[in-house]
Amino acid sequence: MKKTIIILLSFCLAVFAFAQEEKPYRHAISLNYGGPSSTVHAEYQYQLVAKEKHHLGVSAGVGYIFGGVGIPIGIQYRFGKIHQLETGLYYSQLASSVTTSFNISIQLGYRFNYKQFFAHAYVSPMMGVSYSRSTWVGFGIGMYL
């Protein structure tokens, strides 16, 4: 009986040792120009689910919009490994010296991953805009932590 248990445990450990995958990065920071309700913004991203080709994450940032500040908070889904299709939904709070408002935007783009770094380009049209002068297209660079 002991021999059987030892053999089974040895087999399980060997299978688990060879089954380990490369751990995906969970945290990332990026600097973007354009996009969800700001001209320039810094963003923190956290991946909730990171499977082989499927990535689901959340993000929060702070950015500058002409005469004010924008705070985008979003949820993102990415498909792919090195070359990724990037989609997202953002809620942005906007504040200036004159007014405070919000908007909701969707994001569709492409992300290229290289080791610990990434670059992405996207379109981010806004829905229900009450105040915004930001661009609908954006690009950025970032790194995984």
N, C-alpha and C. Protein backbone atom coordinates (compact mmCIF):
# COMPACT_ATOMS: atom_id res chain seq x y z
N MET A 1 0.82 -1.20 0.00
CA MET A 1 0.00 0.00 0.00
C MET A 1 0.86 1.26 0.00
N LYS A 2 1.92 1.28 0.83
CA LYS A 2 2.80 2.44 0.88
C LYS A 2 3.49 2.66 -0.46
N LYS A 3 3.88 1.54 -1.09
CA LYS A 3 4.54 1.67 -2.39
C LYS A 3 3.61 2.29 -3.42
N THR A 4 2.36 1.89 -3.41
CA THR A 4 1.39 2.42 -4.35
C THR A 4 1.18 3.92 -4.13
N ILE A 5 1.08 4.34 -2.88
CA ILE A 5 0.90 5.76 -2.57
C ILE A 5 2.12 6.56 -2.99
N ILE A 6 3.30 6.05 -2.73
CA ILE A 6 4.54 6.74 -3.11
C ILE A 6 4.64 6.85 -4.63
N ILE A 7 4.28 5.78 -5.34
CA ILE A 7 4.33 5.81 -6.80
C ILE A 7 3.32 6.83 -7.34
N LEU A 8 2.09 6.84 -6.78
CA LEU A 8 1.08 7.81 -7.22
C LEU A 8 1.50 9.25 -6.93
N LEU A 9 2.04 9.50 -5.77
CA LEU A 9 2.52 10.84 -5.43
C LEU A 9 3.66 11.27 -6.34
N SER A 10 4.58 10.35 -6.62
CA SER A 10 5.70 10.66 -7.51
C SER A 10 5.19 10.99 -8.92
N PHE A 11 4.21 10.21 -9.38
CA PHE A 11 3.63 10.46 -10.69
C PHE A 11 2.94 11.81 -10.74
N CYS A 12 2.15 12.13 -9.70
CA CYS A 12 1.46 13.43 -9.65
C CYS A 12 2.44 14.59 -9.62
N LEU A 13 3.49 14.48 -8.85
CA LEU A 13 4.49 15.55 -8.77
C LEU A 13 5.19 15.72 -10.11
N ALA A 14 5.47 14.62 -10.80
CA ALA A 14 6.11 14.71 -12.12
C ALA A 14 5.19 15.39 -13.12
N VAL A 15 3.91 15.03 -13.09
CA VAL A 15 2.95 15.66 -14.01
C VAL A 15 2.84 17.14 -13.73
N PHE A 16 2.73 17.54 -12.45
CA PHE A 16 2.61 18.95 -12.10
C PHE A 16 3.89 19.71 -12.46
N ALA A 17 5.04 19.08 -12.34
CA ALA A 17 6.29 19.76 -12.66
C ALA A 17 6.36 20.09 -14.16
N PHE A 18 5.87 19.20 -15.01
CA PHE A 18 5.92 19.45 -16.44
C PHE A 18 4.73 20.26 -16.93
N ALA A 19 3.68 20.37 -16.14
CA ALA A 19 2.47 21.08 -16.54
C ALA A 19 2.54 22.57 -16.24
N GLN A 20 3.56 23.02 -15.56
CA GLN A 20 3.63 24.44 -15.21
C GLN A 20 3.81 25.28 -16.46
N GLU A 21 3.03 26.33 -16.53
CA GLU A 21 3.13 27.26 -17.64
C GLU A 21 3.86 28.50 -17.18
N GLU A 22 4.26 29.29 -18.14
CA GLU A 22 4.86 30.58 -17.81
C GLU A 22 3.80 31.46 -17.16
N LYS A 23 4.10 32.00 -15.98
CA LYS A 23 3.12 32.83 -15.27
C LYS A 23 2.95 34.16 -15.98
N PRO A 24 1.70 34.50 -16.29
CA PRO A 24 1.47 35.80 -16.94
C PRO A 24 1.63 36.94 -15.95
N TYR A 25 1.96 38.08 -16.48
CA TYR A 25 2.06 39.28 -15.64
C TYR A 25 0.65 39.71 -15.25
N ARG A 26 0.45 40.09 -14.01
CA ARG A 26 -0.87 40.53 -13.54
C ARG A 26 -0.99 42.06 -13.48
N HIS A 27 0.11 42.76 -13.24
CA HIS A 27 0.08 44.21 -13.05
C HIS A 27 0.81 44.89 -14.22
N ALA A 28 0.30 46.05 -14.62
CA ALA A 28 0.95 46.81 -15.68
C ALA A 28 0.67 48.29 -15.48
N ILE A 29 1.59 49.11 -15.96
CA ILE A 29 1.40 50.56 -15.99
C ILE A 29 1.64 51.02 -17.43
N SER A 30 0.94 52.07 -17.82
CA SER A 30 1.13 52.57 -19.18
C SER A 30 0.94 54.08 -19.22
N LEU A 31 1.51 54.67 -20.23
CA LEU A 31 1.36 56.10 -20.51
C LEU A 31 0.73 56.20 -21.89
N ASN A 32 -0.43 56.87 -21.98
CA ASN A 32 -1.22 56.89 -23.21
C ASN A 32 -1.48 58.31 -23.67
N TYR A 33 -1.57 58.46 -24.98
CA TYR A 33 -1.98 59.72 -25.58
C TYR A 33 -3.32 59.47 -26.24
N GLY A 34 -4.33 60.23 -25.87
CA GLY A 34 -5.67 60.04 -26.41
C GLY A 34 -6.41 58.94 -25.68
N GLY A 35 -7.60 58.66 -26.13
CA GLY A 35 -8.36 57.58 -25.53
C GLY A 35 -9.50 58.05 -24.66
N PRO A 36 -9.83 57.24 -23.64
CA PRO A 36 -11.07 57.50 -22.89
C PRO A 36 -11.02 58.80 -22.09
N SER A 37 -11.49 59.85 -22.69
CA SER A 37 -11.73 61.16 -22.07
C SER A 37 -10.52 61.89 -21.50
N SER A 38 -9.37 61.71 -22.06
CA SER A 38 -8.23 62.54 -21.66
C SER A 38 -7.24 62.65 -22.81
N THR A 39 -6.49 63.73 -22.80
CA THR A 39 -5.49 63.91 -23.84
C THR A 39 -4.27 63.04 -23.55
N VAL A 40 -3.76 63.10 -22.34
CA VAL A 40 -2.65 62.27 -21.89
C VAL A 40 -3.05 61.67 -20.55
N HIS A 41 -2.86 60.37 -20.40
CA HIS A 41 -3.17 59.78 -19.10
C HIS A 41 -2.25 58.61 -18.77
N ALA A 42 -2.01 58.46 -17.46
CA ALA A 42 -1.26 57.33 -16.94
C ALA A 42 -2.29 56.34 -16.41
N GLU A 43 -2.03 55.05 -16.62
CA GLU A 43 -3.03 54.04 -16.29
C GLU A 43 -2.38 52.85 -15.61
N TYR A 44 -3.07 52.32 -14.61
CA TYR A 44 -2.67 51.08 -13.94
C TYR A 44 -3.65 49.99 -14.37
N GLN A 45 -3.12 48.82 -14.74
CA GLN A 45 -3.98 47.72 -15.17
C GLN A 45 -3.71 46.50 -14.31
N TYR A 46 -4.78 45.79 -13.97
CA TYR A 46 -4.66 44.55 -13.20
C TYR A 46 -5.47 43.47 -13.92
N GLN A 47 -4.85 42.32 -14.17
CA GLN A 47 -5.53 41.23 -14.85
C GLN A 47 -6.21 40.33 -13.83
N LEU A 48 -7.53 40.24 -13.91
CA LEU A 48 -8.29 39.36 -13.03
C LEU A 48 -8.16 37.91 -13.47
N VAL A 49 -8.25 37.69 -14.78
CA VAL A 49 -8.13 36.36 -15.36
C VAL A 49 -7.07 36.42 -16.44
N ALA A 50 -6.10 35.52 -16.37
CA ALA A 50 -5.04 35.49 -17.37
C ALA A 50 -4.84 34.04 -17.81
N LYS A 51 -5.59 33.64 -18.82
CA LYS A 51 -5.45 32.31 -19.39
C LYS A 51 -4.49 32.41 -20.57
N GLU A 52 -4.34 31.30 -21.29
CA GLU A 52 -3.37 31.27 -22.37
C GLU A 52 -3.57 32.39 -23.38
N LYS A 53 -4.78 32.52 -23.91
CA LYS A 53 -5.05 33.57 -24.90
C LYS A 53 -6.12 34.55 -24.44
N HIS A 54 -6.71 34.33 -23.29
CA HIS A 54 -7.80 35.17 -22.81
C HIS A 54 -7.36 35.94 -21.57
N HIS A 55 -7.56 37.24 -21.59
CA HIS A 55 -7.15 38.11 -20.49
C HIS A 55 -8.30 39.06 -20.16
N LEU A 56 -8.73 39.04 -18.91
CA LEU A 56 -9.78 39.93 -18.44
C LEU A 56 -9.21 40.76 -17.31
N GLY A 57 -9.32 42.08 -17.42
CA GLY A 57 -8.71 42.93 -16.41
C GLY A 57 -9.49 44.20 -16.16
N VAL A 58 -9.03 44.92 -15.17
CA VAL A 58 -9.60 46.23 -14.82
C VAL A 58 -8.48 47.25 -14.85
N SER A 59 -8.85 48.52 -14.99
CA SER A 59 -7.84 49.57 -15.02
C SER A 59 -8.39 50.84 -14.42
N ALA A 60 -7.48 51.68 -13.97
CA ALA A 60 -7.82 53.00 -13.45
C ALA A 60 -6.67 53.93 -13.80
N GLY A 61 -6.99 55.18 -14.04
CA GLY A 61 -5.94 56.12 -14.42
C GLY A 61 -6.31 57.54 -14.06
N VAL A 62 -5.38 58.40 -14.37
CA VAL A 62 -5.61 59.84 -14.20
C VAL A 62 -4.97 60.53 -15.39
N GLY A 63 -5.68 61.52 -15.92
CA GLY A 63 -5.17 62.17 -17.11
C GLY A 63 -5.51 63.64 -17.18
N TYR A 64 -4.89 64.28 -18.13
CA TYR A 64 -5.09 65.71 -18.36
C TYR A 64 -5.97 65.89 -19.59
N ILE A 65 -6.98 66.69 -19.45
CA ILE A 65 -7.80 67.10 -20.58
C ILE A 65 -7.76 68.62 -20.59
N PHE A 66 -7.87 69.24 -21.73
CA PHE A 66 -7.71 70.69 -21.84
C PHE A 66 -8.49 71.41 -20.75
N GLY A 67 -7.80 72.00 -19.81
CA GLY A 67 -8.43 72.77 -18.75
C GLY A 67 -8.97 71.95 -17.60
N GLY A 68 -8.65 70.67 -17.52
CA GLY A 68 -9.19 69.87 -16.43
C GLY A 68 -8.50 68.53 -16.27
N VAL A 69 -9.17 67.66 -15.53
CA VAL A 69 -8.63 66.34 -15.19
C VAL A 69 -9.67 65.29 -15.55
N GLY A 70 -9.21 64.16 -16.06
CA GLY A 70 -10.08 63.03 -16.35
C GLY A 70 -9.61 61.81 -15.58
N ILE A 71 -10.54 61.04 -15.04
CA ILE A 71 -10.22 59.83 -14.28
C ILE A 71 -10.97 58.66 -14.93
N PRO A 72 -10.31 57.92 -15.85
CA PRO A 72 -10.97 56.77 -16.48
C PRO A 72 -10.84 55.51 -15.63
N ILE A 73 -11.94 54.79 -15.50
CA ILE A 73 -11.97 53.49 -14.82
C ILE A 73 -12.60 52.52 -15.81
N GLY A 74 -11.97 51.37 -16.04
CA GLY A 74 -12.48 50.50 -17.08
C GLY A 74 -12.31 49.02 -16.82
N ILE A 75 -12.96 48.26 -17.67
CA ILE A 75 -12.81 46.81 -17.70
C ILE A 75 -12.37 46.46 -19.12
N GLN A 76 -11.42 45.52 -19.23
CA GLN A 76 -10.83 45.21 -20.54
C GLN A 76 -10.82 43.70 -20.76
N TYR A 77 -10.95 43.32 -22.03
CA TYR A 77 -10.78 41.94 -22.45
C TYR A 77 -9.79 41.95 -23.59
N ARG A 78 -8.78 41.07 -23.50
CA ARG A 78 -7.79 40.95 -24.57
C ARG A 78 -7.71 39.50 -25.02
N PHE A 79 -7.58 39.31 -26.32
CA PHE A 79 -7.46 37.97 -26.90
C PHE A 79 -6.16 37.87 -27.67
N GLY A 80 -5.37 36.86 -27.36
CA GLY A 80 -4.11 36.61 -28.06
C GLY A 80 -2.95 36.50 -27.10
N LYS A 81 -1.79 36.17 -27.64
CA LYS A 81 -0.57 36.05 -26.83
C LYS A 81 0.33 37.26 -27.05
N ILE A 82 1.08 37.26 -28.14
CA ILE A 82 1.99 38.36 -28.44
C ILE A 82 1.22 39.49 -29.13
N HIS A 83 0.43 39.13 -30.11
CA HIS A 83 -0.43 40.10 -30.81
C HIS A 83 -1.84 39.93 -30.25
N GLN A 84 -2.38 40.98 -29.65
CA GLN A 84 -3.65 40.87 -28.96
C GLN A 84 -4.70 41.83 -29.51
N LEU A 85 -5.94 41.35 -29.58
CA LEU A 85 -7.09 42.20 -29.84
C LEU A 85 -7.50 42.75 -28.48
N GLU A 86 -7.67 44.05 -28.40
CA GLU A 86 -7.94 44.71 -27.13
C GLU A 86 -9.32 45.35 -27.18
N THR A 87 -10.20 45.02 -26.23
CA THR A 87 -11.52 45.63 -26.14
C THR A 87 -11.72 46.14 -24.72
N GLY A 88 -12.58 47.11 -24.55
CA GLY A 88 -12.81 47.62 -23.21
C GLY A 88 -14.02 48.52 -23.12
N LEU A 89 -14.46 48.76 -21.90
CA LEU A 89 -15.55 49.66 -21.59
C LEU A 89 -15.08 50.55 -20.45
N TYR A 90 -15.17 51.87 -20.62
CA TYR A 90 -14.64 52.83 -19.64
C TYR A 90 -15.72 53.79 -19.16
N TYR A 91 -15.66 54.11 -17.90
CA TYR A 91 -16.44 55.19 -17.30
C TYR A 91 -15.42 56.25 -16.90
N SER A 92 -15.65 57.49 -17.29
CA SER A 92 -14.69 58.55 -16.99
C SER A 92 -15.36 59.72 -16.30
N GLN A 93 -14.78 60.13 -15.21
CA GLN A 93 -15.23 61.33 -14.50
C GLN A 93 -14.34 62.48 -14.95
N LEU A 94 -14.95 63.57 -15.37
CA LEU A 94 -14.22 64.72 -15.88
C LEU A 94 -14.46 65.92 -14.99
N ALA A 95 -13.41 66.65 -14.69
CA ALA A 95 -13.56 67.84 -13.85
C ALA A 95 -12.70 68.96 -14.42
N SER A 96 -13.27 70.14 -14.50
CA SER A 96 -12.53 71.33 -14.91
C SER A 96 -12.91 72.46 -13.98
N SER A 97 -12.33 73.61 -14.21
CA SER A 97 -12.65 74.76 -13.36
C SER A 97 -14.07 75.26 -13.61
N VAL A 98 -14.67 74.85 -14.73
CA VAL A 98 -16.00 75.33 -15.10
C VAL A 98 -17.09 74.32 -14.76
N THR A 99 -16.85 73.03 -15.02
CA THR A 99 -17.90 72.03 -14.89
C THR A 99 -17.34 70.67 -14.49
N THR A 100 -18.23 69.81 -14.05
CA THR A 100 -17.90 68.41 -13.76
C THR A 100 -18.89 67.54 -14.52
N SER A 101 -18.40 66.49 -15.16
CA SER A 101 -19.29 65.62 -15.92
C SER A 101 -18.67 64.24 -16.03
N PHE A 102 -19.32 63.37 -16.78
CA PHE A 102 -18.81 62.02 -17.00
C PHE A 102 -19.11 61.60 -18.43
N ASN A 103 -18.46 60.54 -18.85
CA ASN A 103 -18.84 59.91 -20.11
C ASN A 103 -18.49 58.43 -20.05
N ILE A 104 -19.03 57.69 -21.00
CA ILE A 104 -18.78 56.26 -21.13
C ILE A 104 -18.20 56.06 -22.53
N SER A 105 -17.15 55.26 -22.61
CA SER A 105 -16.54 55.02 -23.92
C SER A 105 -16.21 53.54 -24.06
N ILE A 106 -16.21 53.08 -25.30
CA ILE A 106 -15.77 51.73 -25.61
C ILE A 106 -14.39 51.83 -26.22
N GLN A 107 -13.66 50.74 -26.20
CA GLN A 107 -12.31 50.75 -26.75
C GLN A 107 -12.11 49.51 -27.60
N LEU A 108 -11.52 49.67 -28.76
CA LEU A 108 -11.17 48.58 -29.65
C LEU A 108 -9.79 48.86 -30.20
N GLY A 109 -8.86 47.91 -30.03
CA GLY A 109 -7.51 48.18 -30.47
C GLY A 109 -6.64 46.95 -30.62
N TYR A 110 -5.36 47.21 -30.80
CA TYR A 110 -4.34 46.19 -31.01
C TYR A 110 -3.22 46.41 -30.01
N ARG A 111 -2.74 45.33 -29.38
CA ARG A 111 -1.62 45.41 -28.44
C ARG A 111 -0.54 44.44 -28.87
N PHE A 112 0.71 44.92 -28.87
CA PHE A 112 1.86 44.10 -29.17
C PHE A 112 2.69 43.95 -27.90
N ASN A 113 2.93 42.71 -27.49
CA ASN A 113 3.71 42.42 -26.28
C ASN A 113 5.11 41.97 -26.67
N TYR A 114 6.10 42.53 -26.00
CA TYR A 114 7.49 42.12 -26.20
C TYR A 114 8.14 42.01 -24.84
N LYS A 115 8.36 40.77 -24.40
CA LYS A 115 8.92 40.48 -23.09
C LYS A 115 8.10 41.19 -22.00
N GLN A 116 8.68 42.13 -21.31
CA GLN A 116 8.00 42.80 -20.20
C GLN A 116 7.34 44.11 -20.65
N PHE A 117 7.39 44.44 -21.92
CA PHE A 117 6.88 45.72 -22.41
C PHE A 117 5.74 45.50 -23.41
N PHE A 118 4.94 46.54 -23.62
CA PHE A 118 3.89 46.46 -24.62
C PHE A 118 3.65 47.84 -25.23
N ALA A 119 3.08 47.81 -26.41
CA ALA A 119 2.64 49.03 -27.10
C ALA A 119 1.24 48.74 -27.64
N HIS A 120 0.39 49.74 -27.63
CA HIS A 120 -0.96 49.53 -28.14
C HIS A 120 -1.49 50.78 -28.82
N ALA A 121 -2.40 50.53 -29.76
CA ALA A 121 -3.11 51.60 -30.48
C ALA A 121 -4.58 51.21 -30.49
N TYR A 122 -5.46 52.22 -30.37
CA TYR A 122 -6.88 51.90 -30.23
C TYR A 122 -7.75 53.07 -30.67
N VAL A 123 -9.01 52.77 -30.91
CA VAL A 123 -10.04 53.79 -31.09
C VAL A 123 -10.95 53.69 -29.88
N SER A 124 -11.45 54.84 -29.44
CA SER A 124 -12.24 54.88 -28.22
C SER A 124 -13.37 55.90 -28.34
N PRO A 125 -14.40 55.58 -29.13
CA PRO A 125 -15.51 56.52 -29.27
C PRO A 125 -16.29 56.66 -27.97
N MET A 126 -16.79 57.86 -27.72
CA MET A 126 -17.52 58.14 -26.49
C MET A 126 -19.01 58.15 -26.72
N MET A 127 -19.76 57.60 -25.76
CA MET A 127 -21.22 57.56 -25.85
C MET A 127 -21.79 58.43 -24.74
N GLY A 128 -22.77 59.21 -25.04
CA GLY A 128 -23.41 60.04 -24.02
C GLY A 128 -22.49 61.09 -23.47
N VAL A 129 -21.74 61.73 -24.34
CA VAL A 129 -20.75 62.72 -23.91
C VAL A 129 -21.45 63.99 -23.46
N SER A 130 -21.15 64.40 -22.22
CA SER A 130 -21.70 65.66 -21.76
C SER A 130 -20.65 66.76 -21.82
N TYR A 131 -19.38 66.42 -21.73
CA TYR A 131 -18.30 67.39 -21.86
C TYR A 131 -17.03 66.64 -22.20
N SER A 132 -16.44 66.90 -23.32
CA SER A 132 -15.16 66.29 -23.65
C SER A 132 -14.62 66.88 -24.93
N ARG A 133 -13.33 67.13 -24.94
CA ARG A 133 -12.65 67.59 -26.15
C ARG A 133 -11.48 66.67 -26.47
N SER A 134 -11.52 65.44 -25.99
CA SER A 134 -10.39 64.55 -26.21
C SER A 134 -10.52 63.81 -27.54
N THR A 135 -9.43 63.21 -27.95
CA THR A 135 -9.41 62.47 -29.22
C THR A 135 -10.05 61.11 -29.05
N TRP A 136 -10.55 60.57 -30.13
CA TRP A 136 -11.15 59.25 -30.10
C TRP A 136 -10.13 58.15 -30.38
N VAL A 137 -8.98 58.50 -30.86
CA VAL A 137 -7.93 57.51 -31.11
C VAL A 137 -6.84 57.69 -30.06
N GLY A 138 -6.12 56.62 -29.81
CA GLY A 138 -5.06 56.72 -28.82
C GLY A 138 -3.98 55.69 -29.06
N PHE A 139 -2.84 55.93 -28.47
CA PHE A 139 -1.75 54.97 -28.49
C PHE A 139 -0.96 55.13 -27.21
N GLY A 140 -0.26 54.09 -26.84
CA GLY A 140 0.49 54.15 -25.59
C GLY A 140 1.56 53.08 -25.52
N ILE A 141 2.40 53.25 -24.53
CA ILE A 141 3.45 52.27 -24.23
C ILE A 141 3.34 51.95 -22.74
N GLY A 142 3.77 50.75 -22.39
CA GLY A 142 3.70 50.38 -20.98
C GLY A 142 4.62 49.22 -20.67
N MET A 143 4.59 48.85 -19.40
CA MET A 143 5.40 47.73 -18.96
C MET A 143 4.65 46.94 -17.91
N TYR A 144 4.90 45.65 -17.92
CA TYR A 144 4.32 44.75 -16.94
C TYR A 144 5.19 44.74 -15.68
N LEU A 145 4.55 44.69 -14.55
CA LEU A 145 5.29 44.69 -13.28
C LEU A 145 5.31 43.29 -12.67
